[in-house]
PDB file of N, CA and C in Angstrom:
ATOM      1  N   MET A   1      20.268  -8.592  16.214  1.00  0.00           N
ATOM      2  CA  MET A   1      19.580  -8.832  14.831  1.00  0.00           C
ATOM      3  C   MET A   1      19.687 -10.222  14.304  1.00  0.00           C
ATOM      4  N   SER A   2      18.557 -10.753  13.731  1.00  0.00           N
ATOM      5  CA  SER A   2      18.776 -11.706  13.056  1.00  0.00           C
ATOM      6  C   SER A   2      18.561 -11.244  11.631  1.00  0.00           C
ATOM      7  N   THR A   3      19.023 -11.447  10.704  1.00  0.00           N
ATOM      8  CA  THR A   3      18.917 -11.322   9.185  1.00  0.00           C
ATOM      9  C   THR A   3      17.879 -11.922   8.475  1.00  0.00           C
ATOM     10  N   PRO A   4      16.955 -11.613   7.933  1.00  0.00           N
ATOM     11  CA  PRO A   4      15.756 -11.646   6.483  1.00  0.00           C
ATOM     12  C   PRO A   4      16.188 -13.273   6.058  1.00  0.00           C
ATOM     13  N   GLN A   5      15.031 -14.196   6.226  1.00  0.00           N
ATOM     14  CA  GLN A   5      15.694 -15.044   5.133  1.00  0.00           C
ATOM     15  C   GLN A   5      15.244 -15.034   3.738  1.00  0.00           C
ATOM     16  N   LYS A   6      15.948 -15.033   2.907  1.00  0.00           N
ATOM     17  CA  LYS A   6      15.603 -14.313   1.824  1.00  0.00           C
ATOM     18  C   LYS A   6      15.674 -16.488   0.691  1.00  0.00           C
ATOM     19  N   THR A   7      14.570 -17.109   0.025  1.00  0.00           N
ATOM     20  CA  THR A   7      13.979 -17.453  -0.465  1.00  0.00           C
ATOM     21  C   THR A   7      13.059 -17.537  -1.995  1.00  0.00           C
ATOM     22  N   THR A   8      13.738 -18.382  -2.831  1.00  0.00           N
ATOM     23  CA  THR A   8      12.817 -19.027  -4.050  1.00  0.00           C
ATOM     24  C   THR A   8      11.324 -19.268  -4.059  1.00  0.00           C
ATOM     25  N   VAL A   9      10.156 -18.928  -4.680  1.00  0.00           N
ATOM     26  CA  VAL A   9       9.399 -19.363  -4.342  1.00  0.00           C
ATOM     27  C   VAL A   9       8.338 -19.586  -6.044  1.00  0.00           C
ATOM     28  N   GLU A  10       7.512 -20.848  -5.917  1.00  0.00           N
ATOM     29  CA  GLU A  10       6.473 -20.683  -7.005  1.00  0.00           C
ATOM     30  C   GLU A  10       5.447 -19.487  -6.909  1.00  0.00           C
ATOM     31  N   PRO A  11       5.199 -18.530  -8.166  1.00  0.00           N
ATOM     32  CA  PRO A  11       4.651 -18.078  -7.923  1.00  0.00           C
ATOM     33  C   PRO A  11       2.370 -18.773  -7.783  1.00  0.00           C
ATOM     34  N   GLY A  12       2.552 -17.782  -6.636  1.00  0.00           N
ATOM     35  CA  GLY A  12       1.143 -18.571  -5.775  1.00  0.00           C
ATOM     36  C   GLY A  12       1.437 -18.903  -4.550  1.00  0.00           C
ATOM     37  N   HIS A  13       1.912 -19.203  -4.187  1.00  0.00           N
ATOM     38  CA  HIS A  13       3.016 -19.987  -3.426  1.00  0.00           C
ATOM     39  C   HIS A  13       4.005 -18.676  -2.451  1.00  0.00           C
ATOM     40  N   GLU A  14       4.168 -17.562  -2.903  1.00  0.00           N
ATOM     41  CA  GLU A  14       4.354 -16.707  -2.242  1.00  0.00           C
ATOM     42  C   GLU A  14       4.314 -16.033  -0.482  1.00  0.00           C
ATOM     43  N   GLY A  15       2.770 -16.049  -0.406  1.00  0.00           N
ATOM     44  CA  GLY A  15       1.904 -16.286   1.174  1.00  0.00           C
ATOM     45  C   GLY A  15       1.559 -15.015   0.802  1.00  0.00           C
ATOM     46  N   PRO A  16       1.078 -13.495   0.918  1.00  0.00           N
ATOM     47  CA  PRO A  16       0.471 -12.105   1.570  1.00  0.00           C
ATOM     48  C   PRO A  16       1.599 -11.205   1.407  1.00  0.00           C
ATOM     49  N   VAL A  17       1.009 -10.423   0.610  1.00  0.00           N
ATOM     50  CA  VAL A  17       2.641  -9.151  -0.225  1.00  0.00           C
ATOM     51  C   VAL A  17       1.432  -7.831   0.232  1.00  0.00           C
ATOM     52  N   THR A  18       2.894  -7.220   0.466  1.00  0.00           N
ATOM     53  CA  THR A  18       3.003  -6.022   1.059  1.00  0.00           C
ATOM     54  C   THR A  18       3.075  -4.789   0.105  1.00  0.00           C
ATOM     55  N   LEU A  19       2.536  -3.464  -0.310  1.00  0.00           N
ATOM     56  CA  LEU A  19       2.710  -2.411  -1.397  1.00  0.00           C
ATOM     57  C   LEU A  19       3.162  -0.904  -0.830  1.00  0.00           C
ATOM     58  N   GLN A  20       4.180  -0.601  -0.761  1.00  0.00           N
ATOM     59  CA  GLN A  20       4.133   0.675   0.141  1.00  0.00           C
ATOM     60  C   GLN A  20       4.157   1.810  -1.441  1.00  0.00           C
ATOM     61  N   ILE A  21       3.326   3.023  -1.521  1.00  0.00           N
ATOM     62  CA  ILE A  21       3.624   3.485  -2.046  1.00  0.00           C
ATOM     63  C   ILE A  21       3.273   4.949  -1.355  1.00  0.00           C
ATOM     64  N   SER A  22       4.143   5.552  -1.178  1.00  0.00           N
ATOM     65  CA  SER A  22       4.629   6.937  -1.120  1.00  0.00           C
ATOM     66  C   SER A  22       4.767   8.820  -1.837  1.00  0.00           C
ATOM     67  N   ARG A  23       3.121   9.728  -1.424  1.00  0.00           N
ATOM     68  CA  ARG A  23       4.243  10.528  -2.136  1.00  0.00           C
ATOM     69  C   ARG A  23       3.796  12.187  -0.978  1.00  0.00           C
ATOM     70  N   ARG A  24       4.427  13.307  -1.896  1.00  0.00           N
ATOM     71  CA  ARG A  24       4.327  14.357  -1.788  1.00  0.00           C
ATOM     72  C   ARG A  24       3.276  14.824  -1.888  1.00  0.00           C
ATOM     73  N   VAL A  25       2.627  15.686  -1.511  1.00  0.00           N
ATOM     74  CA  VAL A  25       1.284  17.088  -1.793  1.00  0.00           C
ATOM     75  C   VAL A  25       1.499  18.024  -1.923  1.00  0.00           C
ATOM     76  N   VAL A  26       1.190  18.797  -3.475  1.00  0.00           N
ATOM     77  CA  VAL A  26       1.013  20.304  -3.342  1.00  0.00           C
ATOM     78  C   VAL A  26       0.875  20.638  -2.083  1.00  0.00           C
ATOM     79  N   THR A  27       1.035  21.542  -1.692  1.00  0.00           N
ATOM     80  CA  THR A  27       0.798  22.793  -1.128  1.00  0.00           C
ATOM     81  C   THR A  27      -0.063  22.459  -1.531  1.00  0.00           C
ATOM     82  N   GLY A  28      -1.401  23.024  -0.682  1.00  0.00           N
ATOM     83  CA  GLY A  28      -2.587  23.660  -0.967  1.00  0.00           C
ATOM     84  C   GLY A  28      -3.781  22.590  -1.027  1.00  0.00           C
ATOM     85  N   ARG A  29      -3.460  21.665  -1.865  1.00  0.00           N
ATOM     86  CA  ARG A  29      -4.044  20.701  -2.313  1.00  0.00           C
ATOM     87  C   ARG A  29      -4.189  18.855  -1.415  1.00  0.00           C
ATOM     88  N   GLU A  30      -4.550  18.626  -0.789  1.00  0.00           N
ATOM     89  CA  GLU A  30      -4.386  18.310   0.147  1.00  0.00           C
ATOM     90  C   GLU A  30      -5.500  18.154   0.220  1.00  0.00           C
ATOM     91  N   ALA A  31      -6.635  18.810   0.638  1.00  0.00           N
ATOM     92  CA  ALA A  31      -8.456  18.245   0.258  1.00  0.00           C
ATOM     93  C   ALA A  31      -8.241  17.115  -0.267  1.00  0.00           C
ATOM     94  N   ASP A  32      -7.643  17.739  -2.160  1.00  0.00           N
ATOM     95  CA  ASP A  32      -8.081  16.909  -3.112  1.00  0.00           C
ATOM     96  C   ASP A  32      -7.561  15.643  -2.765  1.00  0.00           C
ATOM     97  N   TYR A  33      -5.967  16.150  -2.932  1.00  0.00           N
ATOM     98  CA  TYR A  33      -5.723  14.071  -2.800  1.00  0.00           C
ATOM     99  C   TYR A  33      -6.380  13.481  -1.707  1.00  0.00           C
ATOM    100  N   GLU A  34      -6.828  13.913  -0.444  1.00  0.00           N
ATOM    101  CA  GLU A  34      -7.830  12.938   0.570  1.00  0.00           C
ATOM    102  C   GLU A  34      -9.147  12.585   0.027  1.00  0.00           C
ATOM    103  N   ASP A  35      -9.703  13.854  -0.945  1.00  0.00           N
ATOM    104  CA  ASP A  35     -10.964  13.250  -1.782  1.00  0.00           C
ATOM    105  C   ASP A  35     -10.507  11.794  -2.581  1.00  0.00           C
ATOM    106  N   TRP A  36      -8.930  11.494  -3.451  1.00  0.00           N
ATOM    107  CA  TRP A  36      -9.065  10.258  -3.889  1.00  0.00           C
ATOM    108  C   TRP A  36      -8.185   9.374  -3.198  1.00  0.00           C
ATOM    109  N   LEU A  37      -7.207   9.839  -2.246  1.00  0.00           N
ATOM    110  CA  LEU A  37      -7.619   8.662  -1.782  1.00  0.00           C
ATOM    111  C   LEU A  37      -8.673   7.955  -0.749  1.00  0.00           C
ATOM    112  N   HIS A  38      -9.898   8.112  -0.527  1.00  0.00           N
ATOM    113  CA  HIS A  38     -10.375   8.323  -0.077  1.00  0.00           C
ATOM    114  C   HIS A  38     -10.696   7.129  -1.031  1.00  0.00           C
ATOM    115  N   GLY A  39     -11.407   6.919  -2.437  1.00  0.00           N
ATOM    116  CA  GLY A  39     -11.886   6.814  -3.664  1.00  0.00           C
ATOM    117  C   GLY A  39     -10.892   5.703  -4.051  1.00  0.00           C
ATOM    118  N   VAL A  40      -9.047   5.305  -3.320  1.00  0.00           N
ATOM    119  CA  VAL A  40      -8.637   4.092  -3.758  1.00  0.00           C
ATOM    120  C   VAL A  40      -8.424   2.993  -3.276  1.00  0.00           C
ATOM    121  N   VAL A  41      -8.633   4.242  -1.690  1.00  0.00           N
ATOM    122  CA  VAL A  41      -8.111   3.504  -0.992  1.00  0.00           C
ATOM    123  C   VAL A  41     -10.137   1.598  -0.801  1.00  0.00           C
ATOM    124  N   GLU A  42     -11.600   2.865  -0.987  1.00  0.00           N
ATOM    125  CA  GLU A  42     -12.440   2.048  -1.513  1.00  0.00           C
ATOM    126  C   GLU A  42     -12.654   1.350  -3.281  1.00  0.00           C
ATOM    127  N   ALA A  43     -12.209   1.503  -3.417  1.00  0.00           N
ATOM    128  CA  ALA A  43     -11.420   0.710  -4.746  1.00  0.00           C
ATOM    129  C   ALA A  43     -10.961  -0.347  -4.500  1.00  0.00           C
ATOM    130  N   ALA A  44     -10.391  -0.387  -4.264  1.00  0.00           N
ATOM    131  CA  ALA A  44      -8.882  -1.151  -4.205  1.00  0.00           C
ATOM    132  C   ALA A  44      -8.933  -2.687  -3.082  1.00  0.00           C
ATOM    133  N   SER A  45     -10.908  -1.930  -1.975  1.00  0.00           N
ATOM    134  CA  SER A  45     -11.379  -3.289  -0.602  1.00  0.00           C
ATOM    135  C   SER A  45     -11.770  -4.191  -2.077  1.00  0.00           C
ATOM    136  N   ASP A  46     -12.801  -3.415  -2.558  1.00  0.00           N
ATOM    137  CA  ASP A  46     -13.131  -4.502  -4.033  1.00  0.00           C
ATOM    138  C   ASP A  46     -12.722  -5.472  -4.417  1.00  0.00           C
ATOM    139  N   PHE A  47     -11.356  -5.665  -4.588  1.00  0.00           N
ATOM    140  CA  PHE A  47     -10.356  -6.156  -5.255  1.00  0.00           C
ATOM    141  C   PHE A  47     -10.355  -7.771  -4.563  1.00  0.00           C
ATOM    142  N   PRO A  48     -10.388  -8.727  -5.270  1.00  0.00           N
ATOM    143  CA  PRO A  48     -10.737 -10.220  -5.143  1.00  0.00           C
ATOM    144  C   PRO A  48      -8.777 -10.122  -4.107  1.00  0.00           C
ATOM    145  N   GLY A  49      -8.805 -10.859  -3.175  1.00  0.00           N
ATOM    146  CA  GLY A  49      -7.781 -11.133  -1.655  1.00  0.00           C
ATOM    147  C   GLY A  49      -6.563  -9.478  -0.975  1.00  0.00           C
ATOM    148  N   HIS A  50      -7.877  -8.597  -1.235  1.00  0.00           N
ATOM    149  CA  HIS A  50      -7.370  -7.926  -0.938  1.00  0.00           C
ATOM    150  C   HIS A  50      -7.162  -7.785   1.535  1.00  0.00           C
ATOM    151  N   LEU A  51      -6.508  -8.044   1.791  1.00  0.00           N
ATOM    152  CA  LEU A  51      -6.302  -7.950   3.117  1.00  0.00           C
ATOM    153  C   LEU A  51      -6.114  -6.372   4.084  1.00  0.00           C
ATOM    154  N   GLY A  52      -6.886  -5.458   3.786  1.00  0.00           N
ATOM    155  CA  GLY A  52      -6.409  -3.280   4.078  1.00  0.00           C
ATOM    156  C   GLY A  52      -5.380  -2.818   3.566  1.00  0.00           C
ATOM    157  N   VAL A  53      -5.442  -2.223   3.938  1.00  0.00           N
ATOM    158  CA  VAL A  53      -4.713  -0.931   3.464  1.00  0.00           C
ATOM    159  C   VAL A  53      -4.421  -0.097   4.582  1.00  0.00           C
ATOM    160  N   ASN A  54      -2.943   0.424   6.172  1.00  0.00           N
ATOM    161  CA  ASN A  54      -2.044   1.475   6.187  1.00  0.00           C
ATOM    162  C   ASN A  54      -2.491   3.167   5.547  1.00  0.00           C
ATOM    163  N   ILE A  55      -2.859   4.216   6.031  1.00  0.00           N
ATOM    164  CA  ILE A  55      -2.322   5.182   4.596  1.00  0.00           C
ATOM    165  C   ILE A  55      -1.881   5.644   6.660  1.00  0.00           C
ATOM    166  N   LEU A  56      -1.074   6.687   6.613  1.00  0.00           N
ATOM    167  CA  LEU A  56       0.237   6.823   7.254  1.00  0.00           C
ATOM    168  C   LEU A  56      -0.114   8.655   6.317  1.00  0.00           C
ATOM    169  N   ARG A  57      -0.191   9.841   7.813  1.00  0.00           N
ATOM    170  CA  ARG A  57      -0.756  11.373   7.157  1.00  0.00           C
ATOM    171  C   ARG A  57       0.630  11.253   7.382  1.00  0.00           C
ATOM    172  N   PRO A  58       1.131  12.955   7.134  1.00  0.00           N
ATOM    173  CA  PRO A  58       2.981  13.380   6.674  1.00  0.00           C
ATOM    174  C   PRO A  58       2.741  14.108   8.148  1.00  0.00           C
ATOM    175  N   SER A  59       3.706  13.682   8.023  1.00  0.00           N
ATOM    176  CA  SER A  59       4.342  13.930   9.443  1.00  0.00           C
ATOM    177  C   SER A  59       6.213  13.849   9.302  1.00  0.00           C
ATOM    178  N   GLY A  60       6.423  14.302  10.837  1.00  0.00           N
ATOM    179  CA  GLY A  60       7.604  14.228  10.418  1.00  0.00           C
ATOM    180  C   GLY A  60       8.849  12.726  10.789  1.00  0.00           C
ATOM    181  N   LYS A  61       7.916  11.899  10.654  1.00  0.00           N
ATOM    182  CA  LYS A  61       8.304  10.349  10.853  1.00  0.00           C
ATOM    183  C   LYS A  61       7.770   9.446   9.499  1.00  0.00           C
ATOM    184  N   THR A  62       7.152  10.626   8.938  1.00  0.00           N
ATOM    185  CA  THR A  62       7.025   9.718   7.263  1.00  0.00           C
ATOM    186  C   THR A  62       7.600  11.429   5.883  1.00  0.00           C
ATOM    187  N   ASP A  63       9.381  11.790   6.848  1.00  0.00           N
ATOM    188  CA  ASP A  63       9.636  12.854   5.479  1.00  0.00           C
ATOM    189  C   ASP A  63       8.500  13.631   5.868  1.00  0.00           C
ATOM    190  N   GLY A  64       7.074  14.408   6.040  1.00  0.00           N
ATOM    191  CA  GLY A  64       6.338  14.923   5.025  1.00  0.00           C
ATOM    192  C   GLY A  64       5.423  14.102   3.987  1.00  0.00           C
ATOM    193  N   ARG A  65       5.420  12.957   3.225  1.00  0.00           N
ATOM    194  CA  ARG A  65       5.179  12.180   3.046  1.00  0.00           C
ATOM    195  C   ARG A  65       3.102  11.333   3.139  1.00  0.00           C
ATOM    196  N   TYR A  66       3.374  11.563   2.099  1.00  0.00           N
ATOM    197  CA  TYR A  66       1.544  10.346   3.020  1.00  0.00           C
ATOM    198  C   TYR A  66       2.018   9.652   2.559  1.00  0.00           C
ATOM    199  N   VAL A  67       1.620   8.309   2.979  1.00  0.00           N
ATOM    200  CA  VAL A  67       2.406   6.663   2.653  1.00  0.00           C
ATOM    201  C   VAL A  67       1.053   5.301   3.141  1.00  0.00           C
ATOM    202  N   LEU A  68       1.350   4.619   2.170  1.00  0.00           N
ATOM    203  CA  LEU A  68       0.005   4.311   1.635  1.00  0.00           C
ATOM    204  C   LEU A  68       0.804   3.241   1.997  1.00  0.00           C
ATOM    205  N   ILE A  69       0.111   1.805   3.210  1.00  0.00           N
ATOM    206  CA  ILE A  69       0.255   0.368   3.520  1.00  0.00           C
ATOM    207  C   ILE A  69      -0.092  -0.991   1.948  1.00  0.00           C
ATOM    208  N   TYR A  70      -0.653  -1.299   1.568  1.00  0.00           N
ATOM    209  CA  TYR A  70      -1.660  -1.961   0.918  1.00  0.00           C
ATOM    210  C   TYR A  70      -0.976  -4.347   0.598  1.00  0.00           C
ATOM    211  N   ARG A  71      -1.885  -4.349   1.404  1.00  0.00           N
ATOM    212  CA  ARG A  71      -2.176  -5.724   1.850  1.00  0.00           C
ATOM    213  C   ARG A  71      -3.221  -6.015   1.032  1.00  0.00           C
ATOM    214  N   PHE A  72      -3.091  -7.739   0.475  1.00  0.00           N
ATOM    215  CA  PHE A  72      -3.284  -8.381  -1.138  1.00  0.00           C
ATOM    216  C   PHE A  72      -2.582  -9.885  -0.005  1.00  0.00           C
ATOM    217  N   ASP A  73      -3.604 -11.223  -0.607  1.00  0.00           N
ATOM    218  CA  ASP A  73      -2.792 -12.036   0.034  1.00  0.00           C
ATOM    219  C   ASP A  73      -2.503 -13.633  -1.373  1.00  0.00           C
ATOM    220  N   SER A  74      -1.410 -12.081  -2.088  1.00  0.00           N
ATOM    221  CA  SER A  74      -1.016 -13.114  -3.150  1.00  0.00           C
ATOM    222  C   SER A  74      -0.798 -11.879  -4.589  1.00  0.00           C
ATOM    223  N   PHE A  75       1.452 -12.344  -5.001  1.00  0.00           N
ATOM    224  CA  PHE A  75       1.191 -11.504  -5.483  1.00  0.00           C
ATOM    225  C   PHE A  75      -0.177 -11.750  -6.955  1.00  0.00           C
ATOM    226  N   ALA A  76      -0.254 -12.229  -7.348  1.00  0.00           N
ATOM    227  CA  ALA A  76      -1.348 -11.864  -8.139  1.00  0.00           C
ATOM    228  C   ALA A  76      -2.765 -11.693  -7.924  1.00  0.00           C
ATOM    229  N   HIS A  77      -3.302 -10.784  -7.276  1.00  0.00           N
ATOM    230  CA  HIS A  77      -3.826 -10.271  -6.510  1.00  0.00           C
ATOM    231  C   HIS A  77      -3.628  -9.120  -6.298  1.00  0.00           C
ATOM    232  N   CYS A  78      -1.885  -9.025  -6.156  1.00  0.00           N
ATOM    233  CA  CYS A  78      -1.824  -7.389  -6.247  1.00  0.00           C
ATOM    234  C   CYS A  78      -1.337  -7.075  -7.305  1.00  0.00           C
ATOM    235  N   GLU A  79      -0.837  -8.088  -8.219  1.00  0.00           N
ATOM    236  CA  GLU A  79      -1.113  -7.571  -9.577  1.00  0.00           C
ATOM    237  C   GLU A  79      -2.357  -7.239 -10.331  1.00  0.00           C
ATOM    238  N   ALA A  80      -3.472  -7.301  -9.724  1.00  0.00           N
ATOM    239  CA  ALA A  80      -4.428  -7.147 -10.248  1.00  0.00           C
ATOM    240  C   ALA A  80      -5.513  -6.028 -10.467  1.00  0.00           C
ATOM    241  N   TRP A  81      -4.277  -5.726  -9.293  1.00  0.00           N
ATOM    242  CA  TRP A  81      -4.709  -4.560  -9.193  1.00  0.00           C
ATOM    243  C   TRP A  81      -4.174  -2.870  -8.918  1.00  0.00           C
TER     244      TRP A  81
END
């Protein structure tokens, strides 16, 4: 396996940005979280540069957490969101 290359770039030249957020949800509040999640995903889709989102629901592979993976076309657009 190769080691990822580390480079320094000027802002605006970094290319796509991926952001991962994970949360544990209090037992019994899953439906509330799903409702909130739907709204957040919809809001993110309206932001400039939004490239998509993946939702990983709690499982053994996520250690029981919700994991949200957002993608934006630049750091500036990710920061604005």
